[in-house]
């Protein structure tokens, strides 16, 4: 599959994926301030979203962009 994610878009995806992954793990360990605390069921959801963002950011390919005909590269 050809690249359809630009450099700045990929960098934002990687940063967001890393932050969401950290937040997901912090929720499991109950290390999140009360204002940012979510139910524990949100942790796996955040983890999956984090992995998707990291994968699409590092590969510079987004399947949803392909379906919608978007190209930011």
PDB file of N, CA and C in Angstrom:
ATOM      1  N   UNK A   1       0.843  -1.170   0.000  1.00  0.00           N
ATOM      2  CA  UNK A   1       0.000   0.000   0.000  1.00  0.00           C
ATOM      3  C   UNK A   1       0.893   1.238   0.000  1.00  0.00           C
ATOM      4  N   UNK A   2       0.503   2.227  -0.757  1.00  0.00           N
ATOM      5  CA  UNK A   2       1.330   3.432  -0.864  1.00  0.00           C
ATOM      6  C   UNK A   2       1.085   4.378   0.307  1.00  0.00           C
ATOM      7  N   UNK A   3       2.066   5.225   0.556  1.00  0.00           N
ATOM      8  CA  UNK A   3       1.982   6.163   1.661  1.00  0.00           C
ATOM      9  C   UNK A   3       0.933   7.235   1.361  1.00  0.00           C
ATOM     10  N   UNK A   4       0.105   7.530   2.357  1.00  0.00           N
ATOM     11  CA  UNK A   4      -0.876   8.598   2.210  1.00  0.00           C
ATOM     12  C   UNK A   4      -0.930   9.488   3.452  1.00  0.00           C
ATOM     13  N   UNK A   5       0.074   9.362   4.319  1.00  0.00           N
ATOM     14  CA  UNK A   5       0.172  10.170   5.531  1.00  0.00           C
ATOM     15  C   UNK A   5       1.459  10.977   5.458  1.00  0.00           C
ATOM     16  N   UNK A   6       1.340  12.284   5.555  1.00  0.00           N
ATOM     17  CA  UNK A   6       2.504  13.161   5.477  1.00  0.00           C
ATOM     18  C   UNK A   6       3.343  13.125   6.738  1.00  0.00           C
ATOM     19  N   UNK A   7       4.487  13.800   6.691  1.00  0.00           N
ATOM     20  CA  UNK A   7       5.425  13.789   7.813  1.00  0.00           C
ATOM     21  C   UNK A   7       4.837  14.416   9.072  1.00  0.00           C
ATOM     22  N   UNK A   8       4.199  15.578   8.939  1.00  0.00           N
ATOM     23  CA  UNK A   8       3.634  16.225  10.128  1.00  0.00           C
ATOM     24  C   UNK A   8       2.459  15.418  10.672  1.00  0.00           C
ATOM     25  N   UNK A   9       1.635  14.867   9.795  1.00  0.00           N
ATOM     26  CA  UNK A   9       0.517  14.016  10.214  1.00  0.00           C
ATOM     27  C   UNK A   9       1.035  12.780  10.944  1.00  0.00           C
ATOM     28  N   UNK A  10       2.094  12.167  10.430  1.00  0.00           N
ATOM     29  CA  UNK A  10       2.681  10.984  11.064  1.00  0.00           C
ATOM     30  C   UNK A  10       3.259  11.338  12.435  1.00  0.00           C
ATOM     31  N   UNK A  11       3.924  12.477  12.543  1.00  0.00           N
ATOM     32  CA  UNK A  11       4.501  12.886  13.823  1.00  0.00           C
ATOM     33  C   UNK A  11       3.411  13.113  14.868  1.00  0.00           C
ATOM     34  N   UNK A  12       2.310  13.715  14.467  1.00  0.00           N
ATOM     35  CA  UNK A  12       1.193  13.943  15.388  1.00  0.00           C
ATOM     36  C   UNK A  12       0.587  12.609  15.820  1.00  0.00           C
ATOM     37  N   UNK A  13       0.455  11.676  14.885  1.00  0.00           N
ATOM     38  CA  UNK A  13      -0.094  10.354  15.214  1.00  0.00           C
ATOM     39  C   UNK A  13       0.811   9.622  16.201  1.00  0.00           C
ATOM     40  N   UNK A  14       2.114   9.704  15.993  1.00  0.00           N
ATOM     41  CA  UNK A  14       3.057   9.025  16.887  1.00  0.00           C
ATOM     42  C   UNK A  14       3.006   9.640  18.283  1.00  0.00           C
ATOM     43  N   UNK A  15       2.981  10.956  18.356  1.00  0.00           N
ATOM     44  CA  UNK A  15       2.907  11.635  19.644  1.00  0.00           C
ATOM     45  C   UNK A  15       1.595  11.302  20.355  1.00  0.00           C
ATOM     46  N   UNK A  16       0.481  11.374  19.638  1.00  0.00           N
ATOM     47  CA  UNK A  16      -0.813  11.062  20.241  1.00  0.00           C
ATOM     48  C   UNK A  16      -0.878   9.600  20.680  1.00  0.00           C
ATOM     49  N   UNK A  17      -0.326   8.704  19.868  1.00  0.00           N
ATOM     50  CA  UNK A  17      -0.306   7.288  20.233  1.00  0.00           C
ATOM     51  C   UNK A  17       0.505   7.028  21.489  1.00  0.00           C
ATOM     52  N   UNK A  18       1.637   7.693  21.604  1.00  0.00           N
ATOM     53  CA  UNK A  18       2.477   7.526  22.791  1.00  0.00           C
ATOM     54  C   UNK A  18       1.773   8.068  24.036  1.00  0.00           C
ATOM     55  N   UNK A  19       1.131   9.225  23.900  1.00  0.00           N
ATOM     56  CA  UNK A  19       0.427   9.807  25.046  1.00  0.00           C
ATOM     57  C   UNK A  19      -0.765   8.954  25.474  1.00  0.00           C
ATOM     58  N   UNK A  20      -1.537   8.473  24.497  1.00  0.00           N
ATOM     59  CA  UNK A  20      -2.687   7.632  24.834  1.00  0.00           C
ATOM     60  C   UNK A  20      -2.249   6.303  25.447  1.00  0.00           C
ATOM     61  N   UNK A  21      -1.152   5.748  24.947  1.00  0.00           N
ATOM     62  CA  UNK A  21      -0.633   4.514  25.515  1.00  0.00           C
ATOM     63  C   UNK A  21      -0.187   4.695  26.958  1.00  0.00           C
ATOM     64  N   UNK A  22       0.474   5.803  27.220  1.00  0.00           N
ATOM     65  CA  UNK A  22       0.899   6.106  28.584  1.00  0.00           C
ATOM     66  C   UNK A  22      -0.299   6.304  29.498  1.00  0.00           C
ATOM     67  N   UNK A  23      -1.305   7.031  29.004  1.00  0.00           N
ATOM     68  CA  UNK A  23      -2.526   7.260  29.781  1.00  0.00           C
ATOM     69  C   UNK A  23      -3.229   5.934  30.063  1.00  0.00           C
ATOM     70  N   UNK A  24      -3.269   5.065  29.073  1.00  0.00           N
ATOM     71  CA  UNK A  24      -3.901   3.757  29.236  1.00  0.00           C
ATOM     72  C   UNK A  24      -3.234   2.950  30.349  1.00  0.00           C
ATOM     73  N   UNK A  25      -1.922   2.918  30.328  1.00  0.00           N
ATOM     74  CA  UNK A  25      -1.193   2.183  31.369  1.00  0.00           C
ATOM     75  C   UNK A  25      -1.334   2.846  32.737  1.00  0.00           C
ATOM     76  N   UNK A  26      -1.369   4.169  32.761  1.00  0.00           N
ATOM     77  CA  UNK A  26      -1.522   4.891  34.022  1.00  0.00           C
ATOM     78  C   UNK A  26      -2.897   4.623  34.637  1.00  0.00           C
ATOM     79  N   UNK A  27      -3.920   4.469  33.805  1.00  0.00           N
ATOM     80  CA  UNK A  27      -5.254   4.150  34.329  1.00  0.00           C
ATOM     81  C   UNK A  27      -5.230   2.783  35.000  1.00  0.00           C
ATOM     82  N   UNK A  28      -4.553   1.811  34.388  1.00  0.00           N
ATOM     83  CA  UNK A  28      -4.479   0.475  34.979  1.00  0.00           C
ATOM     84  C   UNK A  28      -3.771   0.478  36.330  1.00  0.00           C
ATOM     85  N   UNK A  29      -2.778   1.336  36.465  1.00  0.00           N
ATOM     86  CA  UNK A  29      -2.010   1.419  37.710  1.00  0.00           C
ATOM     87  C   UNK A  29      -2.601   2.422  38.697  1.00  0.00           C
ATOM     88  N   UNK A  30      -3.714   3.063  38.322  1.00  0.00           N
ATOM     89  CA  UNK A  30      -4.370   4.093  39.158  1.00  0.00           C
ATOM     90  C   UNK A  30      -3.413   5.220  39.504  1.00  0.00           C
ATOM     91  N   UNK A  31      -2.609   5.622  38.534  1.00  0.00           N
ATOM     92  CA  UNK A  31      -1.638   6.693  38.741  1.00  0.00           C
ATOM     93  C   UNK A  31      -2.068   7.989  38.055  1.00  0.00           C
ATOM     94  N   UNK A  32      -3.354   8.084  37.720  1.00  0.00           N
ATOM     95  CA  UNK A  32      -3.864   9.243  37.002  1.00  0.00           C
ATOM     96  C   UNK A  32      -4.537  10.179  37.998  1.00  0.00           C
ATOM     97  N   UNK A  33      -4.336  11.500  37.869  1.00  0.00           N
ATOM     98  CA  UNK A  33      -5.058  12.427  38.748  1.00  0.00           C
ATOM     99  C   UNK A  33      -6.570  12.225  38.611  1.00  0.00           C
ATOM    100  N   UNK A  34      -7.288  12.491  39.654  1.00  0.00           N
ATOM    101  CA  UNK A  34      -8.726  12.255  39.682  1.00  0.00           C
ATOM    102  C   UNK A  34      -9.445  12.960  38.526  1.00  0.00           C
ATOM    103  N   UNK A  35      -8.982  14.133  38.134  1.00  0.00           N
ATOM    104  CA  UNK A  35      -9.623  14.876  37.050  1.00  0.00           C
ATOM    105  C   UNK A  35      -9.512  14.149  35.708  1.00  0.00           C
ATOM    106  N   UNK A  36      -8.471  13.335  35.518  1.00  0.00           N
ATOM    107  CA  UNK A  36      -8.258  12.615  34.265  1.00  0.00           C
ATOM    108  C   UNK A  36      -8.614  11.136  34.349  1.00  0.00           C
ATOM    109  N   UNK A  37      -9.103  10.695  35.496  1.00  0.00           N
ATOM    110  CA  UNK A  37      -9.390   9.276  35.699  1.00  0.00           C
ATOM    111  C   UNK A  37     -10.619   8.854  34.902  1.00  0.00           C
ATOM    112  N   UNK A  38     -10.492   7.733  34.237  1.00  0.00           N
ATOM    113  CA  UNK A  38     -11.595   7.120  33.504  1.00  0.00           C
ATOM    114  C   UNK A  38     -11.833   5.736  34.089  1.00  0.00           C
ATOM    115  N   UNK A  39     -12.992   5.129  33.802  1.00  0.00           N
ATOM    116  CA  UNK A  39     -13.193   3.747  34.264  1.00  0.00           C
ATOM    117  C   UNK A  39     -12.132   2.818  33.673  1.00  0.00           C
ATOM    118  N   UNK A  40     -11.837   1.735  34.362  1.00  0.00           N
ATOM    119  CA  UNK A  40     -10.787   0.821  33.905  1.00  0.00           C
ATOM    120  C   UNK A  40     -11.093   0.216  32.547  1.00  0.00           C
ATOM    121  N   UNK A  41     -12.358   0.141  32.168  1.00  0.00           N
ATOM    122  CA  UNK A  41     -12.718  -0.424  30.866  1.00  0.00           C
ATOM    123  C   UNK A  41     -12.192   0.456  29.722  1.00  0.00           C
ATOM    124  N   UNK A  42     -11.927   1.709  30.010  1.00  0.00           N
ATOM    125  CA  UNK A  42     -11.407   2.620  28.985  1.00  0.00           C
ATOM    126  C   UNK A  42      -9.945   2.322  28.663  1.00  0.00           C
ATOM    127  N   UNK A  43      -9.241   1.676  29.569  1.00  0.00           N
ATOM    128  CA  UNK A  43      -7.822   1.420  29.360  1.00  0.00           C
ATOM    129  C   UNK A  43      -7.543   0.564  28.116  1.00  0.00           C
ATOM    130  N   UNK A  44      -8.227  -0.567  27.916  1.00  0.00           N
ATOM    131  CA  UNK A  44      -7.961  -1.340  26.695  1.00  0.00           C
ATOM    132  C   UNK A  44      -8.358  -0.591  25.421  1.00  0.00           C
ATOM    133  N   UNK A  45      -9.413   0.205  25.512  1.00  0.00           N
ATOM    134  CA  UNK A  45      -9.836   0.983  24.344  1.00  0.00           C
ATOM    135  C   UNK A  45      -8.757   2.000  23.980  1.00  0.00           C
ATOM    136  N   UNK A  46      -8.251   2.701  24.979  1.00  0.00           N
ATOM    137  CA  UNK A  46      -7.167   3.655  24.739  1.00  0.00           C
ATOM    138  C   UNK A  46      -5.923   2.944  24.217  1.00  0.00           C
ATOM    139  N   UNK A  47      -5.661   1.761  24.729  1.00  0.00           N
ATOM    140  CA  UNK A  47      -4.508   0.990  24.270  1.00  0.00           C
ATOM    141  C   UNK A  47      -4.612   0.606  22.806  1.00  0.00           C
ATOM    142  N   UNK A  48      -5.794   0.189  22.377  1.00  0.00           N
ATOM    143  CA  UNK A  48      -6.000  -0.180  20.972  1.00  0.00           C
ATOM    144  C   UNK A  48      -5.881   1.036  20.073  1.00  0.00           C
ATOM    145  N   UNK A  49      -6.496   2.146  20.475  1.00  0.00           N
ATOM    146  CA  UNK A  49      -6.387   3.379  19.688  1.00  0.00           C
ATOM    147  C   UNK A  49      -4.928   3.815  19.606  1.00  0.00           C
ATOM    148  N   UNK A  50      -4.209   3.668  20.712  1.00  0.00           N
ATOM    149  CA  UNK A  50      -2.789   4.012  20.738  1.00  0.00           C
ATOM    150  C   UNK A  50      -1.997   3.183  19.737  1.00  0.00           C
ATOM    151  N   UNK A  51      -2.237   1.877  19.723  1.00  0.00           N
ATOM    152  CA  UNK A  51      -1.523   1.004  18.787  1.00  0.00           C
ATOM    153  C   UNK A  51      -1.842   1.338  17.334  1.00  0.00           C
ATOM    154  N   UNK A  52      -3.095   1.646  17.053  1.00  0.00           N
ATOM    155  CA  UNK A  52      -3.479   2.015  15.682  1.00  0.00           C
ATOM    156  C   UNK A  52      -2.774   3.296  15.263  1.00  0.00           C
ATOM    157  N   UNK A  53      -2.756   4.292  16.148  1.00  0.00           N
ATOM    158  CA  UNK A  53      -2.086   5.556  15.823  1.00  0.00           C
ATOM    159  C   UNK A  53      -0.585   5.350  15.613  1.00  0.00           C
ATOM    160  N   UNK A  54       0.036   4.567  16.469  1.00  0.00           N
ATOM    161  CA  UNK A  54       1.470   4.310  16.316  1.00  0.00           C
ATOM    162  C   UNK A  54       1.758   3.560  15.019  1.00  0.00           C
ATOM    163  N   UNK A  55       0.948   2.556  14.704  1.00  0.00           N
ATOM    164  CA  UNK A  55       1.137   1.780  13.473  1.00  0.00           C
ATOM    165  C   UNK A  55       0.999   2.661  12.238  1.00  0.00           C
ATOM    166  N   UNK A  56      -0.066   3.444  12.184  1.00  0.00           N
ATOM    167  CA  UNK A  56      -0.272   4.295  11.005  1.00  0.00           C
ATOM    168  C   UNK A  56       0.763   5.410  10.936  1.00  0.00           C
ATOM    169  N   UNK A  57       1.226   5.883  12.086  1.00  0.00           N
ATOM    170  CA  UNK A  57       2.241   6.933  12.095  1.00  0.00           C
ATOM    171  C   UNK A  57       3.591   6.438  11.609  1.00  0.00           C
ATOM    172  N   UNK A  58       4.002   5.266  12.078  1.00  0.00           N
ATOM    173  CA  UNK A  58       5.307   4.736  11.668  1.00  0.00           C
ATOM    174  C   UNK A  58       5.306   4.216  10.232  1.00  0.00           C
ATOM    175  N   UNK A  59       4.168   3.722   9.761  1.00  0.00           N
ATOM    176  CA  UNK A  59       4.093   3.201   8.393  1.00  0.00           C
ATOM    177  C   UNK A  59       3.686   4.254   7.367  1.00  0.00           C
ATOM    178  N   UNK A  60       3.265   5.412   7.826  1.00  0.00           N
ATOM    179  CA  UNK A  60       2.786   6.492   6.948  1.00  0.00           C
ATOM    180  C   UNK A  60       1.672   6.020   6.013  1.00  0.00           C
ATOM    181  N   UNK A  61       0.868   5.104   6.500  1.00  0.00           N
ATOM    182  CA  UNK A  61      -0.250   4.577   5.722  1.00  0.00           C
ATOM    183  C   UNK A  61      -1.473   4.491   6.625  1.00  0.00           C
ATOM    184  N   UNK A  62      -2.572   5.072   6.167  1.00  0.00           N
ATOM    185  CA  UNK A  62      -3.819   5.022   6.924  1.00  0.00           C
ATOM    186  C   UNK A  62      -4.895   4.417   6.027  1.00  0.00           C
ATOM    187  N   UNK A  63      -5.450   3.299   6.444  1.00  0.00           N
ATOM    188  CA  UNK A  63      -6.449   2.616   5.628  1.00  0.00           C
ATOM    189  C   UNK A  63      -7.744   3.421   5.538  1.00  0.00           C
ATOM    190  N   UNK A  64      -8.095   4.154   6.581  1.00  0.00           N
ATOM    191  CA  UNK A  64      -9.289   4.992   6.538  1.00  0.00           C
ATOM    192  C   UNK A  64      -9.104   6.122   5.529  1.00  0.00           C
ATOM    193  N   UNK A  65      -7.902   6.695   5.486  1.00  0.00           N
ATOM    194  CA  UNK A  65      -7.613   7.716   4.480  1.00  0.00           C
ATOM    195  C   UNK A  65      -7.774   7.136   3.071  1.00  0.00           C
ATOM    196  N   UNK A  66      -7.333   5.910   2.873  1.00  0.00           N
ATOM    197  CA  UNK A  66      -7.466   5.278   1.560  1.00  0.00           C
ATOM    198  C   UNK A  66      -8.932   5.128   1.165  1.00  0.00           C
ATOM    199  N   UNK A  67      -9.746   4.700   2.118  1.00  0.00           N
ATOM    200  CA  UNK A  67     -11.171   4.538   1.835  1.00  0.00           C
ATOM    201  C   UNK A  67     -11.855   5.872   1.521  1.00  0.00           C
ATOM    202  N   UNK A  68     -11.404   6.935   2.191  1.00  0.00           N
ATOM    203  CA  UNK A  68     -12.016   8.245   1.990  1.00  0.00           C
ATOM    204  C   UNK A  68     -11.344   9.059   0.872  1.00  0.00           C
ATOM    205  N   UNK A  69     -10.255   8.550   0.328  1.00  0.00           N
ATOM    206  CA  UNK A  69      -9.552   9.252  -0.749  1.00  0.00           C
ATOM    207  C   UNK A  69      -8.743  10.446  -0.271  1.00  0.00           C
ATOM    208  N   UNK A  70      -8.282  10.415   0.965  1.00  0.00           N
ATOM    209  CA  UNK A  70      -7.490  11.519   1.534  1.00  0.00           C
ATOM    210  C   UNK A  70      -6.019  11.180   1.420  1.00  0.00           C
ATOM    211  N   UNK A  71      -5.218  12.176   1.066  1.00  0.00           N
ATOM    212  CA  UNK A  71      -3.771  12.001   0.964  1.00  0.00           C
ATOM    213  C   UNK A  71      -3.097  13.248   1.521  1.00  0.00           C
ATOM    214  N   UNK A  72      -2.408  13.109   2.655  1.00  0.00           N
ATOM    215  CA  UNK A  72      -1.728  14.263   3.274  1.00  0.00           C
ATOM    216  C   UNK A  72      -0.224  14.226   3.043  1.00  0.00           C
ATOM    217  N   UNK A  73       0.250  13.286   2.230  1.00  0.00           N
ATOM    218  CA  UNK A  73       1.699  13.180   2.001  1.00  0.00           C
ATOM    219  C   UNK A  73       2.198  14.227   1.041  1.00  0.00           C
TER     220      UNK A  73
END
